[in-house]
Amino acid sequence: MANRELTLAGAIVVAPGVFPHAAEPITDEQKAELGALHLRKIDLADRVLVVNPGGYIGESTSREIAYARSTGKPVSFTHPD
């Protein structure tokens, strides 16, 4: 939903392309590669919007938020605390 709304508003959206909770499992190596890829996507971004239904933020997302903040990227949330 956020991806669609931002895209229709004219923003370039760089979002995760693989979801680890999908039907097809991914390997630990793939998880590590995806983690690094997500950080590179943050490097490309002007800002980070965390899609966190119900306020939930997982472990990998927490690391990505910390990384984004450490690089000075503004971070906002779809469901603030």
N, C-alpha and C. Protein backbone atom coordinates (compact mmCIF):
# COMPACT_ATOMS: atom_id res chain seq x y z
N MET A 1 0.83 -1.18 0.00
CA MET A 1 0.00 0.00 0.00
C MET A 1 0.87 1.25 0.00
N ALA A 2 1.88 1.32 0.89
CA ALA A 2 2.76 2.49 0.94
C ALA A 2 3.52 2.63 -0.37
N ASN A 3 3.99 1.50 -0.91
CA ASN A 3 4.72 1.52 -2.18
C ASN A 3 3.85 2.14 -3.26
N ARG A 4 2.63 1.71 -3.36
CA ARG A 4 1.69 2.20 -4.39
C ARG A 4 1.42 3.69 -4.22
N GLU A 5 1.12 4.09 -2.99
CA GLU A 5 0.79 5.49 -2.73
C GLU A 5 1.97 6.41 -3.05
N LEU A 6 3.16 6.00 -2.63
CA LEU A 6 4.34 6.83 -2.90
C LEU A 6 4.65 6.88 -4.39
N THR A 7 4.53 5.75 -5.07
CA THR A 7 4.79 5.72 -6.51
C THR A 7 3.80 6.61 -7.25
N LEU A 8 2.53 6.53 -6.91
CA LEU A 8 1.52 7.37 -7.56
C LEU A 8 1.72 8.85 -7.25
N ALA A 9 2.40 9.13 -6.12
CA ALA A 9 2.70 10.52 -5.76
C ALA A 9 3.97 11.02 -6.46
N GLY A 10 4.58 10.15 -7.25
CA GLY A 10 5.76 10.56 -8.01
C GLY A 10 7.10 10.24 -7.38
N ALA A 11 7.10 9.50 -6.27
CA ALA A 11 8.36 9.13 -5.62
C ALA A 11 8.94 7.88 -6.26
N ILE A 12 10.25 7.81 -6.29
CA ILE A 12 10.94 6.58 -6.71
C ILE A 12 11.07 5.72 -5.47
N VAL A 13 10.47 4.54 -5.50
CA VAL A 13 10.45 3.66 -4.34
C VAL A 13 11.45 2.53 -4.54
N VAL A 14 12.36 2.40 -3.58
CA VAL A 14 13.32 1.30 -3.58
C VAL A 14 12.93 0.43 -2.40
N ALA A 15 12.36 -0.73 -2.68
CA ALA A 15 11.80 -1.57 -1.63
C ALA A 15 12.44 -2.96 -1.66
N PRO A 16 12.33 -3.70 -0.54
CA PRO A 16 12.82 -5.08 -0.54
C PRO A 16 12.15 -5.88 -1.65
N GLY A 17 12.91 -6.74 -2.29
CA GLY A 17 12.37 -7.53 -3.39
C GLY A 17 12.04 -8.96 -3.02
N VAL A 18 12.57 -9.43 -1.90
CA VAL A 18 12.34 -10.79 -1.45
C VAL A 18 11.87 -10.74 -0.01
N PHE A 19 10.88 -11.54 0.29
CA PHE A 19 10.32 -11.54 1.63
C PHE A 19 10.59 -12.89 2.28
N PRO A 20 11.37 -12.92 3.38
CA PRO A 20 11.80 -14.18 3.97
C PRO A 20 10.68 -15.05 4.51
N HIS A 21 9.50 -14.50 4.71
CA HIS A 21 8.39 -15.30 5.23
C HIS A 21 7.50 -15.86 4.11
N ALA A 22 8.00 -15.77 2.86
CA ALA A 22 7.24 -16.29 1.72
C ALA A 22 7.29 -17.81 1.71
N ALA A 23 6.54 -18.42 0.82
CA ALA A 23 6.41 -19.87 0.74
C ALA A 23 7.75 -20.56 0.44
N GLU A 24 8.57 -19.96 -0.40
CA GLU A 24 9.85 -20.57 -0.75
C GLU A 24 10.92 -20.11 0.23
N PRO A 25 11.55 -21.04 0.95
CA PRO A 25 12.57 -20.65 1.92
C PRO A 25 13.84 -20.13 1.22
N ILE A 26 14.59 -19.30 1.93
CA ILE A 26 15.86 -18.83 1.41
C ILE A 26 16.97 -19.32 2.35
N THR A 27 18.15 -19.45 1.81
CA THR A 27 19.27 -19.97 2.59
C THR A 27 19.86 -18.88 3.49
N ASP A 28 20.68 -19.30 4.44
CA ASP A 28 21.35 -18.33 5.31
C ASP A 28 22.26 -17.43 4.49
N GLU A 29 22.91 -17.98 3.47
CA GLU A 29 23.77 -17.17 2.60
C GLU A 29 22.95 -16.11 1.87
N GLN A 30 21.77 -16.52 1.36
CA GLN A 30 20.90 -15.56 0.68
C GLN A 30 20.42 -14.48 1.65
N LYS A 31 20.12 -14.87 2.89
CA LYS A 31 19.69 -13.88 3.90
C LYS A 31 20.78 -12.85 4.12
N ALA A 32 22.03 -13.30 4.23
CA ALA A 32 23.15 -12.38 4.44
C ALA A 32 23.30 -11.45 3.24
N GLU A 33 23.17 -12.01 2.03
CA GLU A 33 23.27 -11.18 0.82
C GLU A 33 22.14 -10.16 0.75
N LEU A 34 20.94 -10.57 1.13
CA LEU A 34 19.81 -9.64 1.14
C LEU A 34 20.01 -8.54 2.17
N GLY A 35 20.57 -8.90 3.32
CA GLY A 35 20.84 -7.89 4.34
C GLY A 35 21.79 -6.82 3.82
N ALA A 36 22.84 -7.24 3.12
CA ALA A 36 23.79 -6.29 2.54
C ALA A 36 23.13 -5.47 1.44
N LEU A 37 22.29 -6.11 0.63
CA LEU A 37 21.59 -5.42 -0.45
C LEU A 37 20.66 -4.35 0.11
N HIS A 38 19.97 -4.66 1.20
CA HIS A 38 19.07 -3.68 1.80
C HIS A 38 19.84 -2.45 2.28
N LEU A 39 21.05 -2.66 2.79
CA LEU A 39 21.85 -1.51 3.22
C LEU A 39 22.27 -0.67 2.02
N ARG A 40 22.58 -1.30 0.90
CA ARG A 40 22.93 -0.55 -0.32
C ARG A 40 21.72 0.24 -0.81
N LYS A 41 20.53 -0.33 -0.68
CA LYS A 41 19.31 0.39 -1.07
C LYS A 41 19.12 1.62 -0.18
N ILE A 42 19.43 1.47 1.10
CA ILE A 42 19.35 2.62 2.00
C ILE A 42 20.33 3.69 1.57
N ASP A 43 21.52 3.28 1.13
CA ASP A 43 22.51 4.24 0.64
C ASP A 43 21.96 5.05 -0.54
N LEU A 44 21.14 4.45 -1.38
CA LEU A 44 20.57 5.12 -2.55
C LEU A 44 19.40 6.04 -2.19
N ALA A 45 18.80 5.79 -1.05
CA ALA A 45 17.56 6.50 -0.68
C ALA A 45 17.82 7.90 -0.14
N ASP A 46 16.83 8.77 -0.32
CA ASP A 46 16.84 10.09 0.30
C ASP A 46 16.30 10.00 1.73
N ARG A 47 15.38 9.08 1.93
CA ARG A 47 14.79 8.86 3.25
C ARG A 47 14.30 7.43 3.32
N VAL A 48 13.97 6.98 4.53
CA VAL A 48 13.52 5.60 4.73
C VAL A 48 12.14 5.63 5.38
N LEU A 49 11.21 4.92 4.79
CA LEU A 49 9.89 4.73 5.37
C LEU A 49 9.79 3.28 5.79
N VAL A 50 9.60 3.05 7.08
CA VAL A 50 9.48 1.70 7.62
C VAL A 50 8.01 1.34 7.63
N VAL A 51 7.65 0.28 6.91
CA VAL A 51 6.27 -0.21 6.90
C VAL A 51 6.19 -1.22 8.04
N ASN A 52 5.51 -0.82 9.10
CA ASN A 52 5.47 -1.62 10.32
C ASN A 52 4.04 -1.75 10.85
N PRO A 53 3.22 -2.57 10.19
CA PRO A 53 1.84 -2.75 10.63
C PRO A 53 1.75 -3.12 12.11
N GLY A 54 0.89 -2.44 12.81
CA GLY A 54 0.72 -2.71 14.23
C GLY A 54 1.90 -2.27 15.08
N GLY A 55 2.84 -1.55 14.48
CA GLY A 55 4.00 -1.09 15.22
C GLY A 55 5.14 -2.10 15.30
N TYR A 56 4.97 -3.27 14.69
CA TYR A 56 5.99 -4.32 14.76
C TYR A 56 7.24 -3.96 13.96
N ILE A 57 8.40 -4.15 14.57
CA ILE A 57 9.68 -3.98 13.88
C ILE A 57 10.55 -5.17 14.25
N GLY A 58 10.94 -5.95 13.24
CA GLY A 58 11.75 -7.13 13.46
C GLY A 58 13.23 -6.80 13.63
N GLU A 59 14.01 -7.84 13.89
CA GLU A 59 15.44 -7.70 14.16
C GLU A 59 16.20 -7.10 12.98
N SER A 60 15.97 -7.62 11.78
CA SER A 60 16.72 -7.10 10.62
C SER A 60 16.29 -5.68 10.30
N THR A 61 15.02 -5.37 10.45
CA THR A 61 14.54 -4.01 10.21
C THR A 61 15.15 -3.05 11.23
N SER A 62 15.28 -3.50 12.46
CA SER A 62 15.91 -2.66 13.49
C SER A 62 17.35 -2.32 13.11
N ARG A 63 18.09 -3.31 12.58
CA ARG A 63 19.46 -3.06 12.12
C ARG A 63 19.47 -2.05 10.97
N GLU A 64 18.53 -2.20 10.05
CA GLU A 64 18.45 -1.30 8.91
C GLU A 64 18.11 0.13 9.35
N ILE A 65 17.24 0.27 10.33
CA ILE A 65 16.89 1.59 10.87
C ILE A 65 18.14 2.23 11.49
N ALA A 66 18.87 1.45 12.28
CA ALA A 66 20.09 1.96 12.91
C ALA A 66 21.09 2.39 11.85
N TYR A 67 21.22 1.60 10.80
CA TYR A 67 22.15 1.94 9.71
C TYR A 67 21.71 3.24 9.04
N ALA A 68 20.44 3.34 8.72
CA ALA A 68 19.93 4.54 8.06
C ALA A 68 20.20 5.78 8.91
N ARG A 69 19.93 5.68 10.18
CA ARG A 69 20.16 6.82 11.08
C ARG A 69 21.64 7.16 11.16
N SER A 70 22.49 6.12 11.16
CA SER A 70 23.94 6.36 11.26
C SER A 70 24.48 7.08 10.02
N THR A 71 23.76 6.97 8.91
CA THR A 71 24.18 7.64 7.68
C THR A 71 23.46 8.98 7.49
N GLY A 72 22.64 9.34 8.47
CA GLY A 72 21.95 10.63 8.42
C GLY A 72 20.66 10.62 7.62
N LYS A 73 20.17 9.44 7.25
CA LYS A 73 18.91 9.38 6.50
C LYS A 73 17.73 9.60 7.45
N PRO A 74 16.76 10.42 7.06
CA PRO A 74 15.55 10.53 7.88
C PRO A 74 14.76 9.22 7.82
N VAL A 75 14.26 8.81 8.96
CA VAL A 75 13.49 7.57 9.07
C VAL A 75 12.10 7.91 9.61
N SER A 76 11.07 7.41 8.93
CA SER A 76 9.70 7.57 9.41
C SER A 76 9.02 6.21 9.36
N PHE A 77 7.86 6.14 9.97
CA PHE A 77 7.17 4.87 10.15
C PHE A 77 5.70 4.99 9.73
N THR A 78 5.16 3.91 9.15
CA THR A 78 3.74 3.93 8.80
C THR A 78 2.88 3.86 10.06
N HIS A 79 3.40 3.24 11.11
CA HIS A 79 2.66 3.11 12.37
C HIS A 79 3.59 3.48 13.51
N PRO A 80 3.72 4.78 13.82
CA PRO A 80 4.60 5.21 14.92
C PRO A 80 4.14 4.64 16.25
N ASP A 81 5.09 4.53 17.16
CA ASP A 81 4.74 4.05 18.53
C ASP A 81 3.81 5.02 19.21
